Amino acid sequence: MKPTLSLLVGLIFTFSISAKVVRLSEPVTQDAKTETFGVALDKTLPKLSMQDLTIESSSHLAKPFQVEARIAKVCQKKGCFFIAQQDQHILRVSFRDYGFFIPTDSSGKTVILAGELVQKEISPEQAAHFKADLNSESDLVKPGAVYEIVADSVTIPRS
């Protein structure tokens, strides 16, 4: 009976280690329903859609905005970036000067973020690094010229 108990304890311990949530930043504001990371959300910024940002990208470069999107995937190492998605429209989101991070269990949540759109060149090595940090084999991050959001604020629901 003891070997079975040891195996069960080992399985529970292994599962809890693999399900660990990394939380390297504390929220700057919070209430019963949400937590905001970075700076407080500026609700006066123009509201755009992911479609606006992906189809008319060049017209939104370096202009502050807010957008609502679902977190498709979040960096599983530190929570230092995520993939935002709205329907088929997808953009990588990083945080201004890596000044904050989001919890690694944020995938699937619909967030409101404030930031600006930038254009970058992603090397094959960077794309492979991002894919590894997402713990994913998907092609959500590809090498080449891309548009990304640099966020100043991310408001995440608690549940």
Protein backbone atom coordinates (compact mmCIF):
# COMPACT_ATOMS: atom_id res chain seq x y z
CA MET A 1 0.00 0.00 0.00
CA LYS A 2 2.83 2.42 0.76
CA PRO A 3 4.29 2.34 -2.78
CA THR A 4 0.87 3.29 -4.18
CA LEU A 5 0.59 6.16 -1.73
CA SER A 6 4.11 7.35 -2.61
CA LEU A 7 3.24 7.20 -6.30
CA LEU A 8 0.04 9.17 -5.72
CA VAL A 9 1.88 11.82 -3.68
CA GLY A 10 4.55 11.98 -6.40
CA LEU A 11 1.92 12.46 -9.11
CA ILE A 12 0.16 15.21 -7.17
CA PHE A 13 3.48 16.94 -6.47
CA THR A 14 4.53 16.68 -10.14
CA PHE A 15 1.19 18.08 -11.31
CA SER A 16 1.33 21.05 -8.95
CA ILE A 17 4.86 21.91 -10.10
CA SER A 18 3.89 21.84 -13.78
CA ALA A 19 0.82 24.00 -13.13
CA LYS A 20 2.81 26.76 -11.36
CA VAL A 21 1.75 30.31 -12.19
CA VAL A 22 4.51 32.89 -12.57
CA ARG A 23 3.54 36.36 -11.34
CA LEU A 24 6.48 38.76 -11.52
CA SER A 25 4.51 42.03 -11.31
CA GLU A 26 1.87 43.24 -8.93
CA PRO A 27 -1.18 45.10 -10.27
CA VAL A 28 -1.08 48.90 -10.11
CA THR A 29 -4.86 49.00 -9.61
CA GLN A 30 -7.40 46.32 -8.84
CA ASP A 31 -11.00 45.84 -7.88
CA ALA A 32 -13.24 42.84 -7.28
CA LYS A 33 -13.39 42.00 -11.01
CA THR A 34 -10.09 43.12 -12.57
CA GLU A 35 -6.37 43.72 -12.11
CA THR A 36 -4.42 46.31 -14.10
CA PHE A 37 -0.72 45.89 -14.80
CA GLY A 38 1.66 48.60 -16.01
CA VAL A 39 0.01 51.97 -15.44
CA ALA A 40 -3.63 52.80 -14.79
CA LEU A 41 -5.70 52.40 -17.96
CA ASP A 42 -6.31 55.72 -19.75
CA LYS A 43 -9.98 55.35 -20.68
CA THR A 44 -9.90 58.56 -22.74
CA LEU A 45 -7.73 56.98 -25.46
CA PRO A 46 -9.47 56.19 -28.77
CA LYS A 47 -10.91 52.67 -28.88
CA LEU A 48 -9.75 50.59 -31.84
CA SER A 49 -10.41 47.02 -32.86
CA MET A 50 -7.81 44.41 -33.68
CA GLN A 51 -9.19 44.53 -37.23
CA ASP A 52 -8.38 48.27 -37.40
CA LEU A 53 -4.86 47.58 -36.14
CA THR A 54 -4.12 44.68 -38.49
CA ILE A 55 -5.76 45.96 -41.69
CA GLU A 56 -4.91 49.67 -41.39
CA SER A 57 -1.65 49.18 -39.48
CA SER A 58 0.42 51.97 -41.01
CA SER A 59 -2.21 54.61 -40.17
CA HIS A 60 -2.09 53.68 -36.46
CA LEU A 61 1.69 53.60 -35.95
CA ALA A 62 2.93 55.39 -32.80
CA LYS A 63 -0.54 56.70 -31.90
CA PRO A 64 -1.88 55.80 -28.43
CA PHE A 65 -5.09 53.73 -28.36
CA GLN A 66 -6.97 51.15 -26.33
CA VAL A 67 -8.18 47.81 -27.64
CA GLU A 68 -10.07 44.81 -26.30
CA ALA A 69 -8.69 41.40 -27.27
CA ARG A 70 -8.44 37.83 -26.06
CA ILE A 71 -5.08 36.54 -24.88
CA ALA A 72 -4.47 33.57 -27.19
CA LYS A 73 -1.13 32.65 -25.57
CA VAL A 74 1.11 34.18 -22.91
CA CYS A 75 4.86 33.73 -22.36
CA GLN A 76 5.13 30.83 -19.93
CA LYS A 77 8.56 31.78 -18.60
CA LYS A 78 7.89 35.29 -17.23
CA GLY A 79 4.62 36.63 -18.68
CA CYS A 80 6.71 39.18 -20.60
CA PHE A 81 4.54 39.17 -23.75
CA PHE A 82 1.37 37.68 -25.13
CA ILE A 83 -0.46 37.04 -28.37
CA ALA A 84 -3.64 39.12 -28.68
CA GLN A 85 -6.40 37.83 -30.92
CA GLN A 86 -9.80 38.99 -32.09
CA ASP A 87 -11.31 36.64 -34.67
CA GLN A 88 -8.55 36.05 -37.26
CA HIS A 89 -6.70 39.25 -36.31
CA ILE A 90 -3.55 38.51 -34.29
CA LEU A 91 -0.77 40.73 -32.88
CA ARG A 92 2.06 40.13 -30.46
CA VAL A 93 1.94 42.41 -27.39
CA SER A 94 5.05 43.40 -25.45
CA PHE A 95 5.30 45.77 -22.51
CA ARG A 96 6.91 49.19 -22.58
CA ASP A 97 10.60 48.83 -21.61
CA TYR A 98 9.75 45.41 -20.10
CA GLY A 99 8.50 47.48 -17.17
CA PHE A 100 5.87 44.96 -16.13
CA PHE A 101 4.64 41.42 -16.76
CA ILE A 102 1.29 39.64 -16.62
CA PRO A 103 0.46 36.35 -14.85
CA THR A 104 1.31 33.29 -16.92
CA ASP A 105 -2.21 31.88 -16.42
CA SER A 106 -3.84 34.75 -18.36
CA SER A 107 -4.41 32.82 -21.61
CA GLY A 108 -8.01 32.77 -22.77
CA LYS A 109 -8.98 35.95 -20.91
CA THR A 110 -10.35 39.00 -22.70
CA VAL A 111 -8.35 42.07 -21.72
CA ILE A 112 -8.36 45.79 -22.37
CA LEU A 113 -4.96 47.21 -23.12
CA ALA A 114 -3.59 50.64 -23.88
CA GLY A 115 -0.50 51.16 -25.98
CA GLU A 116 0.76 51.95 -29.43
CA LEU A 117 1.49 50.05 -32.60
CA VAL A 118 5.09 49.66 -33.76
CA GLN A 119 6.72 48.01 -36.75
CA LYS A 120 9.61 45.61 -36.10
CA GLU A 121 11.81 43.13 -37.87
CA ILE A 122 11.77 39.71 -36.19
CA SER A 123 14.71 37.42 -36.91
CA PRO A 124 14.24 33.66 -37.26
CA GLU A 125 16.11 33.28 -33.94
CA GLN A 126 13.77 35.71 -32.18
CA ALA A 127 10.71 33.96 -33.62
CA ALA A 128 12.06 30.60 -32.37
CA HIS A 129 12.72 32.15 -28.94
CA PHE A 130 9.18 33.55 -28.74
CA LYS A 131 7.72 30.20 -29.82
CA ALA A 132 9.71 28.44 -27.08
CA ASP A 133 8.58 30.99 -24.45
CA LEU A 134 4.96 30.44 -25.51
CA ASN A 135 5.55 26.72 -25.07
CA SER A 136 3.82 26.28 -28.42
CA GLU A 137 4.51 24.83 -31.85
CA SER A 138 2.02 27.17 -33.54
CA ASP A 139 3.02 29.83 -36.05
CA LEU A 140 1.59 32.75 -34.06
CA VAL A 141 4.97 34.52 -34.22
CA LYS A 142 6.78 34.51 -37.55
CA PRO A 143 10.07 36.04 -38.69
CA GLY A 144 10.08 39.10 -40.92
CA ALA A 145 8.57 42.58 -40.81
CA VAL A 146 5.69 42.64 -38.33
CA TYR A 147 3.44 45.03 -36.46
CA GLU A 148 3.26 44.67 -32.69
CA ILE A 149 1.59 46.45 -29.81
CA VAL A 150 3.76 47.97 -27.11
CA ALA A 151 1.43 48.14 -24.13
CA ASP A 152 1.56 50.60 -21.26
CA SER A 153 -1.41 49.09 -19.46
CA VAL A 154 -3.25 45.74 -19.44
CA THR A 155 -6.50 45.20 -17.52
CA ILE A 156 -7.21 41.52 -16.91
CA PRO A 157 -10.38 40.00 -15.44
CA ARG A 158 -9.86 37.99 -12.26
CA SER A 159 -11.89 34.98 -13.39
